[in-house]
Amino acid sequence: MAPETIIIWLIIGAVAGWLAGQVVKGGGFGLIGDIIVGIIGAVIAGWLLPRVGLYIGGGFIAEVINAVIGAVILLVIVRLVRR
């Protein structure tokens, strides 16, 4: 994997994790937490969204939107399990 690809993953993860934290909790989880939530959210969305027939397109913005959707799903599930 090229270093540029890893940097893009980290940027998308950080942005998506922060946005998901704003939507679900009202605050972020710190840089590392946001990156982890965003990357896991991107994996979840990459698996789930095509299965339900939702295709957002290509490009950086579409990847961030996908990752945010997945991260929000992840945070909602984590919040339900914690209760």
PDB file of N, CA and C in Angstrom:
ATOM      1  N   MET A   1       0.846  -1.165   0.000  1.00  0.00           N
ATOM      2  CA  MET A   1       0.000   0.000   0.000  1.00  0.00           C
ATOM      3  C   MET A   1       0.899   1.238   0.000  1.00  0.00           C
ATOM      4  N   ALA A   2       0.571   2.174  -0.835  1.00  0.00           N
ATOM      5  CA  ALA A   2       1.377   3.390  -0.967  1.00  0.00           C
ATOM      6  C   ALA A   2       1.146   4.318   0.226  1.00  0.00           C
ATOM      7  N   PRO A   3       2.160   5.098   0.576  1.00  0.00           N
ATOM      8  CA  PRO A   3       2.000   6.038   1.699  1.00  0.00           C
ATOM      9  C   PRO A   3       0.878   7.055   1.462  1.00  0.00           C
ATOM     10  N   GLU A   4       0.662   7.434   0.209  1.00  0.00           N
ATOM     11  CA  GLU A   4      -0.407   8.386  -0.091  1.00  0.00           C
ATOM     12  C   GLU A   4      -1.776   7.796   0.250  1.00  0.00           C
ATOM     13  N   THR A   5      -1.936   6.519  -0.011  1.00  0.00           N
ATOM     14  CA  THR A   5      -3.195   5.848   0.284  1.00  0.00           C
ATOM     15  C   THR A   5      -3.463   5.827   1.783  1.00  0.00           C
ATOM     16  N   ILE A   6      -2.445   5.557   2.550  1.00  0.00           N
ATOM     17  CA  ILE A   6      -2.595   5.534   4.014  1.00  0.00           C
ATOM     18  C   ILE A   6      -2.951   6.919   4.531  1.00  0.00           C
ATOM     19  N   ILE A   7      -2.326   7.945   3.992  1.00  0.00           N
ATOM     20  CA  ILE A   7      -2.619   9.322   4.407  1.00  0.00           C
ATOM     21  C   ILE A   7      -4.061   9.678   4.067  1.00  0.00           C
ATOM     22  N   ILE A   8      -4.534   9.275   2.886  1.00  0.00           N
ATOM     23  CA  ILE A   8      -5.917   9.551   2.503  1.00  0.00           C
ATOM     24  C   ILE A   8      -6.882   8.826   3.436  1.00  0.00           C
ATOM     25  N   TRP A   9      -6.594   7.571   3.775  1.00  0.00           N
ATOM     26  CA  TRP A   9      -7.426   6.822   4.728  1.00  0.00           C
ATOM     27  C   TRP A   9      -7.507   7.558   6.063  1.00  0.00           C
ATOM     28  N   LEU A  10      -6.368   8.042   6.536  1.00  0.00           N
ATOM     29  CA  LEU A  10      -6.334   8.741   7.827  1.00  0.00           C
ATOM     30  C   LEU A  10      -7.133  10.038   7.774  1.00  0.00           C
ATOM     31  N   ILE A  11      -7.026  10.774   6.674  1.00  0.00           N
ATOM     32  CA  ILE A  11      -7.765  12.028   6.544  1.00  0.00           C
ATOM     33  C   ILE A  11      -9.265  11.758   6.485  1.00  0.00           C
ATOM     34  N   ILE A  12      -9.668  10.806   5.659  1.00  0.00           N
ATOM     35  CA  ILE A  12     -11.091  10.467   5.559  1.00  0.00           C
ATOM     36  C   ILE A  12     -11.601   9.962   6.906  1.00  0.00           C
ATOM     37  N   GLY A  13     -10.814   9.131   7.578  1.00  0.00           N
ATOM     38  CA  GLY A  13     -11.215   8.625   8.888  1.00  0.00           C
ATOM     39  C   GLY A  13     -11.383   9.730   9.911  1.00  0.00           C
ATOM     40  N   ALA A  14     -10.465  10.681   9.920  1.00  0.00           N
ATOM     41  CA  ALA A  14     -10.534  11.781  10.885  1.00  0.00           C
ATOM     42  C   ALA A  14     -11.756  12.661  10.628  1.00  0.00           C
ATOM     43  N   VAL A  15     -11.981  13.009   9.375  1.00  0.00           N
ATOM     44  CA  VAL A  15     -13.125  13.865   9.036  1.00  0.00           C
ATOM     45  C   VAL A  15     -14.434  13.136   9.331  1.00  0.00           C
ATOM     46  N   ALA A  16     -14.537  11.890   8.895  1.00  0.00           N
ATOM     47  CA  ALA A  16     -15.772  11.125   9.095  1.00  0.00           C
ATOM     48  C   ALA A  16     -16.033  10.865  10.576  1.00  0.00           C
ATOM     49  N   GLY A  17     -15.008  10.522  11.324  1.00  0.00           N
ATOM     50  CA  GLY A  17     -15.180  10.279  12.756  1.00  0.00           C
ATOM     51  C   GLY A  17     -15.617  11.521  13.500  1.00  0.00           C
ATOM     52  N   TRP A  18     -15.028  12.670  13.135  1.00  0.00           N
ATOM     53  CA  TRP A  18     -15.399  13.923  13.785  1.00  0.00           C
ATOM     54  C   TRP A  18     -16.846  14.287  13.463  1.00  0.00           C
ATOM     55  N   LEU A  19     -17.217  14.177  12.168  1.00  0.00           N
ATOM     56  CA  LEU A  19     -18.589  14.489  11.777  1.00  0.00           C
ATOM     57  C   LEU A  19     -19.594  13.558  12.444  1.00  0.00           C
ATOM     58  N   ALA A  20     -19.281  12.276  12.510  1.00  0.00           N
ATOM     59  CA  ALA A  20     -20.181  11.320  13.164  1.00  0.00           C
ATOM     60  C   ALA A  20     -20.296  11.635  14.655  1.00  0.00           C
ATOM     61  N   GLY A  21     -19.195  12.027  15.279  1.00  0.00           N
ATOM     62  CA  GLY A  21     -19.250  12.417  16.687  1.00  0.00           C
ATOM     63  C   GLY A  21     -20.129  13.629  16.904  1.00  0.00           C
ATOM     64  N   GLN A  22     -20.112  14.562  15.957  1.00  0.00           N
ATOM     65  CA  GLN A  22     -20.965  15.738  16.054  1.00  0.00           C
ATOM     66  C   GLN A  22     -22.439  15.363  15.894  1.00  0.00           C
ATOM     67  N   VAL A  23     -22.723  14.433  15.005  1.00  0.00           N
ATOM     68  CA  VAL A  23     -24.106  14.037  14.743  1.00  0.00           C
ATOM     69  C   VAL A  23     -24.676  13.220  15.900  1.00  0.00           C
ATOM     70  N   VAL A  24     -23.918  12.255  16.398  1.00  0.00           N
ATOM     71  CA  VAL A  24     -24.453  11.311  17.388  1.00  0.00           C
ATOM     72  C   VAL A  24     -24.280  11.804  18.816  1.00  0.00           C
ATOM     73  N   LYS A  25     -23.102  12.264  19.161  1.00  0.00           N
ATOM     74  CA  LYS A  25     -22.805  12.561  20.556  1.00  0.00           C
ATOM     75  C   LYS A  25     -22.772  14.057  20.841  1.00  0.00           C
ATOM     76  N   GLY A  26     -22.437  14.852  19.841  1.00  0.00           N
ATOM     77  CA  GLY A  26     -22.296  16.278  20.070  1.00  0.00           C
ATOM     78  C   GLY A  26     -20.860  16.683  20.308  1.00  0.00           C
ATOM     79  N   GLY A  27     -19.923  15.770  20.187  1.00  0.00           N
ATOM     80  CA  GLY A  27     -18.513  16.073  20.365  1.00  0.00           C
ATOM     81  C   GLY A  27     -17.655  14.991  19.769  1.00  0.00           C
ATOM     82  N   GLY A  28     -16.393  15.312  19.512  1.00  0.00           N
ATOM     83  CA  GLY A  28     -15.489  14.337  18.923  1.00  0.00           C
ATOM     84  C   GLY A  28     -14.877  13.431  19.975  1.00  0.00           C
ATOM     85  N   PHE A  29     -13.995  12.558  19.533  1.00  0.00           N
ATOM     86  CA  PHE A  29     -13.347  11.596  20.421  1.00  0.00           C
ATOM     87  C   PHE A  29     -11.842  11.793  20.447  1.00  0.00           C
ATOM     88  N   GLY A  30     -11.363  12.935  20.043  1.00  0.00           N
ATOM     89  CA  GLY A  30      -9.937  13.137  19.911  1.00  0.00           C
ATOM     90  C   GLY A  30      -9.495  12.658  18.536  1.00  0.00           C
ATOM     91  N   LEU A  31      -8.314  13.052  18.125  1.00  0.00           N
ATOM     92  CA  LEU A  31      -7.852  12.743  16.775  1.00  0.00           C
ATOM     93  C   LEU A  31      -7.782  11.247  16.513  1.00  0.00           C
ATOM     94  N   ILE A  32      -7.162  10.498  17.401  1.00  0.00           N
ATOM     95  CA  ILE A  32      -7.006   9.055  17.202  1.00  0.00           C
ATOM     96  C   ILE A  32      -8.365   8.359  17.235  1.00  0.00           C
ATOM     97  N   GLY A  33      -9.213   8.705  18.176  1.00  0.00           N
ATOM     98  CA  GLY A  33     -10.543   8.108  18.261  1.00  0.00           C
ATOM     99  C   GLY A  33     -11.380   8.401  17.026  1.00  0.00           C
ATOM    100  N   ASP A  34     -11.312   9.645  16.531  1.00  0.00           N
ATOM    101  CA  ASP A  34     -12.054  10.000  15.328  1.00  0.00           C
ATOM    102  C   ASP A  34     -11.564   9.206  14.123  1.00  0.00           C
ATOM    103  N   ILE A  35     -10.265   9.038  14.000  1.00  0.00           N
ATOM    104  CA  ILE A  35      -9.705   8.274  12.879  1.00  0.00           C
ATOM    105  C   ILE A  35     -10.173   6.825  12.936  1.00  0.00           C
ATOM    106  N   ILE A  36     -10.116   6.230  14.115  1.00  0.00           N
ATOM    107  CA  ILE A  36     -10.529   4.832  14.261  1.00  0.00           C
ATOM    108  C   ILE A  36     -12.018   4.672  13.953  1.00  0.00           C
ATOM    109  N   VAL A  37     -12.844   5.537  14.510  1.00  0.00           N
ATOM    110  CA  VAL A  37     -14.287   5.467  14.259  1.00  0.00           C
ATOM    111  C   VAL A  37     -14.573   5.679  12.776  1.00  0.00           C
ATOM    112  N   GLY A  38     -13.889   6.627  12.158  1.00  0.00           N
ATOM    113  CA  GLY A  38     -14.109   6.908  10.742  1.00  0.00           C
ATOM    114  C   GLY A  38     -13.694   5.770   9.836  1.00  0.00           C
ATOM    115  N   ILE A  39     -12.553   5.152  10.115  1.00  0.00           N
ATOM    116  CA  ILE A  39     -12.095   4.036   9.281  1.00  0.00           C
ATOM    117  C   ILE A  39     -13.007   2.825   9.453  1.00  0.00           C
ATOM    118  N   ILE A  40     -13.385   2.513  10.684  1.00  0.00           N
ATOM    119  CA  ILE A  40     -14.316   1.396  10.900  1.00  0.00           C
ATOM    120  C   ILE A  40     -15.670   1.708  10.254  1.00  0.00           C
ATOM    121  N   GLY A  41     -16.090   2.960  10.348  1.00  0.00           N
ATOM    122  CA  GLY A  41     -17.332   3.365   9.700  1.00  0.00           C
ATOM    123  C   GLY A  41     -17.264   3.223   8.187  1.00  0.00           C
ATOM    124  N   ALA A  42     -16.122   3.538   7.597  1.00  0.00           N
ATOM    125  CA  ALA A  42     -15.958   3.378   6.150  1.00  0.00           C
ATOM    126  C   ALA A  42     -16.051   1.912   5.751  1.00  0.00           C
ATOM    127  N   VAL A  43     -15.486   1.043   6.558  1.00  0.00           N
ATOM    128  CA  VAL A  43     -15.574  -0.399   6.275  1.00  0.00           C
ATOM    129  C   VAL A  43     -17.024  -0.867   6.384  1.00  0.00           C
ATOM    130  N   ILE A  44     -17.717  -0.425   7.425  1.00  0.00           N
ATOM    131  CA  ILE A  44     -19.120  -0.804   7.600  1.00  0.00           C
ATOM    132  C   ILE A  44     -19.950  -0.311   6.420  1.00  0.00           C
ATOM    133  N   ALA A  45     -19.779   0.949   6.045  1.00  0.00           N
ATOM    134  CA  ALA A  45     -20.548   1.508   4.935  1.00  0.00           C
ATOM    135  C   ALA A  45     -20.181   0.850   3.612  1.00  0.00           C
ATOM    136  N   GLY A  46     -18.912   0.537   3.426  1.00  0.00           N
ATOM    137  CA  GLY A  46     -18.494  -0.131   2.201  1.00  0.00           C
ATOM    138  C   GLY A  46     -19.113  -1.506   2.045  1.00  0.00           C
ATOM    139  N   TRP A  47     -19.409  -2.142   3.150  1.00  0.00           N
ATOM    140  CA  TRP A  47     -20.046  -3.455   3.101  1.00  0.00           C
ATOM    141  C   TRP A  47     -21.568  -3.326   3.046  1.00  0.00           C
ATOM    142  N   LEU A  48     -22.148  -2.424   3.848  1.00  0.00           N
ATOM    143  CA  LEU A  48     -23.591  -2.367   4.020  1.00  0.00           C
ATOM    144  C   LEU A  48     -24.318  -1.610   2.909  1.00  0.00           C
ATOM    145  N   LEU A  49     -23.827  -0.466   2.507  1.00  0.00           N
ATOM    146  CA  LEU A  49     -24.565   0.376   1.571  1.00  0.00           C
ATOM    147  C   LEU A  49     -24.828  -0.284   0.220  1.00  0.00           C
ATOM    148  N   PRO A  50     -23.860  -0.970  -0.391  1.00  0.00           N
ATOM    149  CA  PRO A  50     -24.192  -1.650  -1.652  1.00  0.00           C
ATOM    150  C   PRO A  50     -25.242  -2.750  -1.478  1.00  0.00           C
ATOM    151  N   ARG A  51     -25.302  -3.360  -0.310  1.00  0.00           N
ATOM    152  CA  ARG A  51     -26.264  -4.422  -0.065  1.00  0.00           C
ATOM    153  C   ARG A  51     -27.702  -3.895   0.010  1.00  0.00           C
ATOM    154  N   VAL A  52     -27.844  -2.632   0.411  1.00  0.00           N
ATOM    155  CA  VAL A  52     -29.181  -2.038   0.452  1.00  0.00           C
ATOM    156  C   VAL A  52     -29.467  -1.219  -0.802  1.00  0.00           C
ATOM    157  N   GLY A  53     -28.559  -1.219  -1.760  1.00  0.00           N
ATOM    158  CA  GLY A  53     -28.771  -0.553  -3.036  1.00  0.00           C
ATOM    159  C   GLY A  53     -28.472   0.930  -3.039  1.00  0.00           C
ATOM    160  N   LEU A  54     -27.628   1.418  -2.126  1.00  0.00           N
ATOM    161  CA  LEU A  54     -27.285   2.831  -2.045  1.00  0.00           C
ATOM    162  C   LEU A  54     -25.882   3.048  -2.582  1.00  0.00           C
ATOM    163  N   TYR A  55     -25.788   3.773  -3.686  1.00  0.00           N
ATOM    164  CA  TYR A  55     -24.498   4.096  -4.295  1.00  0.00           C
ATOM    165  C   TYR A  55     -24.365   5.605  -4.359  1.00  0.00           C
ATOM    166  N   ILE A  56     -23.336   6.145  -3.724  1.00  0.00           N
ATOM    167  CA  ILE A  56     -23.175   7.591  -3.650  1.00  0.00           C
ATOM    168  C   ILE A  56     -22.259   8.107  -4.756  1.00  0.00           C
ATOM    169  N   GLY A  57     -21.443   7.286  -5.323  1.00  0.00           N
ATOM    170  CA  GLY A  57     -20.555   7.724  -6.390  1.00  0.00           C
ATOM    171  C   GLY A  57     -19.107   7.597  -5.980  1.00  0.00           C
ATOM    172  N   GLY A  58     -18.235   8.228  -6.735  1.00  0.00           N
ATOM    173  CA  GLY A  58     -16.809   8.151  -6.452  1.00  0.00           C
ATOM    174  C   GLY A  58     -16.256   9.509  -6.062  1.00  0.00           C
ATOM    175  N   GLY A  59     -15.029   9.514  -5.664  1.00  0.00           N
ATOM    176  CA  GLY A  59     -14.373  10.751  -5.280  1.00  0.00           C
ATOM    177  C   GLY A  59     -14.234  10.885  -3.777  1.00  0.00           C
ATOM    178  N   PHE A  60     -13.500  11.894  -3.388  1.00  0.00           N
ATOM    179  CA  PHE A  60     -13.172  12.128  -1.988  1.00  0.00           C
ATOM    180  C   PHE A  60     -14.423  12.432  -1.163  1.00  0.00           C
ATOM    181  N   ILE A  61     -15.273  13.321  -1.669  1.00  0.00           N
ATOM    182  CA  ILE A  61     -16.478  13.710  -0.923  1.00  0.00           C
ATOM    183  C   ILE A  61     -17.409  12.515  -0.740  1.00  0.00           C
ATOM    184  N   ALA A  62     -17.575  11.711  -1.777  1.00  0.00           N
ATOM    185  CA  ALA A  62     -18.432  10.529  -1.671  1.00  0.00           C
ATOM    186  C   ALA A  62     -17.874   9.548  -0.649  1.00  0.00           C
ATOM    187  N   GLU A  63     -16.561   9.385  -0.610  1.00  0.00           N
ATOM    188  CA  GLU A  63     -15.959   8.484   0.377  1.00  0.00           C
ATOM    189  C   GLU A  63     -16.164   9.000   1.799  1.00  0.00           C
ATOM    190  N   VAL A  64     -16.067  10.309   1.989  1.00  0.00           N
ATOM    191  CA  VAL A  64     -16.301  10.888   3.317  1.00  0.00           C
ATOM    192  C   VAL A  64     -17.760  10.681   3.723  1.00  0.00           C
ATOM    193  N   ILE A  65     -18.695  10.891   2.783  1.00  0.00           N
ATOM    194  CA  ILE A  65     -20.114  10.691   3.084  1.00  0.00           C
ATOM    195  C   ILE A  65     -20.378   9.235   3.456  1.00  0.00           C
ATOM    196  N   ASN A  66     -19.824   8.310   2.685  1.00  0.00           N
ATOM    197  CA  ASN A  66     -19.965   6.886   3.019  1.00  0.00           C
ATOM    198  C   ASN A  66     -19.421   6.594   4.408  1.00  0.00           C
ATOM    199  N   ALA A  67     -18.235   7.099   4.705  1.00  0.00           N
ATOM    200  CA  ALA A  67     -17.609   6.839   5.997  1.00  0.00           C
ATOM    201  C   ALA A  67     -18.415   7.452   7.137  1.00  0.00           C
ATOM    202  N   VAL A  68     -18.989   8.629   6.925  1.00  0.00           N
ATOM    203  CA  VAL A  68     -19.812   9.253   7.964  1.00  0.00           C
ATOM    204  C   VAL A  68     -21.055   8.416   8.236  1.00  0.00           C
ATOM    205  N   ILE A  69     -21.697   7.937   7.175  1.00  0.00           N
ATOM    206  CA  ILE A  69     -22.890   7.089   7.352  1.00  0.00           C
ATOM    207  C   ILE A  69     -22.524   5.842   8.157  1.00  0.00           C
ATOM    208  N   GLY A  70     -21.429   5.193   7.796  1.00  0.00           N
ATOM    209  CA  GLY A  70     -20.995   4.010   8.528  1.00  0.00           C
ATOM    210  C   GLY A  70     -20.606   4.313   9.959  1.00  0.00           C
ATOM    211  N   ALA A  71     -19.936   5.447  10.179  1.00  0.00           N
ATOM    212  CA  ALA A  71     -19.516   5.805  11.531  1.00  0.00           C
ATOM    213  C   ALA A  71     -20.717   6.139  12.411  1.00  0.00           C
ATOM    214  N   VAL A  72     -21.721   6.785  11.845  1.00  0.00           N
ATOM    215  CA  VAL A  72     -22.931   7.069  12.618  1.00  0.00           C
ATOM    216  C   VAL A  72     -23.618   5.760  12.998  1.00  0.00           C
ATOM    217  N   ILE A  73     -23.697   4.827  12.064  1.00  0.00           N
ATOM    218  CA  ILE A  73     -24.275   3.510  12.365  1.00  0.00           C
ATOM    219  C   ILE A  73     -23.493   2.849  13.495  1.00  0.00           C
ATOM    220  N   LEU A  74     -22.155   2.888  13.405  1.00  0.00           N
ATOM    221  CA  LEU A  74     -21.306   2.298  14.434  1.00  0.00           C
ATOM    222  C   LEU A  74     -21.553   2.941  15.795  1.00  0.00           C
ATOM    223  N   LEU A  75     -21.607   4.258  15.849  1.00  0.00           N
ATOM    224  CA  LEU A  75     -21.784   4.947  17.128  1.00  0.00           C
ATOM    225  C   LEU A  75     -23.164   4.695  17.724  1.00  0.00           C
ATOM    226  N   VAL A  76     -24.185   4.595  16.890  1.00  0.00           N
ATOM    227  CA  VAL A  76     -25.525   4.291  17.397  1.00  0.00           C
ATOM    228  C   VAL A  76     -25.562   2.886  17.987  1.00  0.00           C
ATOM    229  N   ILE A  77     -24.931   1.936  17.302  1.00  0.00           N
ATOM    230  CA  ILE A  77     -24.889   0.563  17.813  1.00  0.00           C
ATOM    231  C   ILE A  77     -24.108   0.505  19.127  1.00  0.00           C
ATOM    232  N   VAL A  78     -22.990   1.198  19.195  1.00  0.00           N
ATOM    233  CA  VAL A  78     -22.181   1.208  20.425  1.00  0.00           C
ATOM    234  C   VAL A  78     -22.977   1.827  21.559  1.00  0.00           C
ATOM    235  N   ARG A  79     -23.696   2.891  21.281  1.00  0.00           N
ATOM    236  CA  ARG A  79     -24.508   3.536  22.326  1.00  0.00           C
ATOM    237  C   ARG A  79     -25.624   2.616  22.806  1.00  0.00           C
ATOM    238  N   LEU A  80     -26.264   1.853  21.890  1.00  0.00           N
ATOM    239  CA  LEU A  80     -27.312   0.927  22.293  1.00  0.00           C
ATOM    240  C   LEU A  80     -26.764  -0.226  23.125  1.00  0.00           C
ATOM    241  N   VAL A  81     -25.577  -0.715  22.782  1.00  0.00           N
ATOM    242  CA  VAL A  81     -24.978  -1.819  23.519  1.00  0.00           C
ATOM    243  C   VAL A  81     -24.532  -1.370  24.905  1.00  0.00           C
ATOM    244  N   ARG A  82     -24.060  -0.151  25.031  1.00  0.00           N
ATOM    245  CA  ARG A  82     -23.605   0.346  26.332  1.00  0.00           C
ATOM    246  C   ARG A  82     -24.733   0.425  27.348  1.00  0.00           C
ATOM    247  N   ARG A  83     -25.941   0.667  26.891  1.00  0.00           N
ATOM    248  CA  ARG A  83     -27.088   0.780  27.818  1.00  0.00           C
ATOM    249  C   ARG A  83     -27.443  -0.553  28.303  1.00  0.00           C
TER     250      ARG A  83
END
